[in-house]
């Protein structure tokens, strides 16, 4: 139930839904003053949420940044990669990677450079319509196909959310790596919630944030004033994390 409610809540808290709702309400409003106010409000909301500079400031304030790869001197037993960076096209037999794929590529780098002995992928199906499309399973096949031995892969394919990532991973890791060293790899905006979930279940991790969505401040004309579709998507991601963190805190998951 929590899984389905989270999907509905995510839809209702998407800025583009608010903007469209205000615009539609304004178009249908009978009173001229109300119509004018609603249409102006929808326009202001659109500009606010599509402004790249404003979006950067909010995202930067929430994202967690950690020490760079070159400063990590320890060797980890397992690099834990949280999913949500791909989907699978069975017709093409093709893994389709998304913007947060550096969760995977950085995990591979930890393994290939000897900073992690094994790779763990924690991800089941996060999709209501395709519950059997379990990300960790097809990513396992992908990793084997590029030369990573199956013996060095740990697969957790039943989790549907971050809380289950932590709980299910802990069950696996506590069997073979009771006092192991782990590095947790996920997006910078997801790390504040993810690392606390792992701590809550007794797994101590070194956080390694990737997929940063806010770079250095830019005082360029287009960045300061021109609306950006990408900014709307980043707000959607950020609000999802704000709500996720709050709900997890209330539920006692972090």
Foldseek 3Di string as FASTA:
>chain_A
DVLVVLVVVLVVPQLVVVLVVLQVCLVPDDDPVSNVVSPVVSVVSQQQLQQQQNLLVVLVVQFDADDDPVPDDAAFAEEEQEDDFWFADVVVRDIGGHLFCVSVVVRVVCCVVRSYQAYEYAWADQDPVCRHRFPQVSVLVVVVVVPDDNVRYHYHHNDNDLLCSQVSVCVVCCVPPVPTAYAYEGARNQVVQNQLLNVLNPHHYHYHHDSRPHDDRDPDPCNRGPGHPVSSVSVSVNVSSVVVNVVCVVVVSD
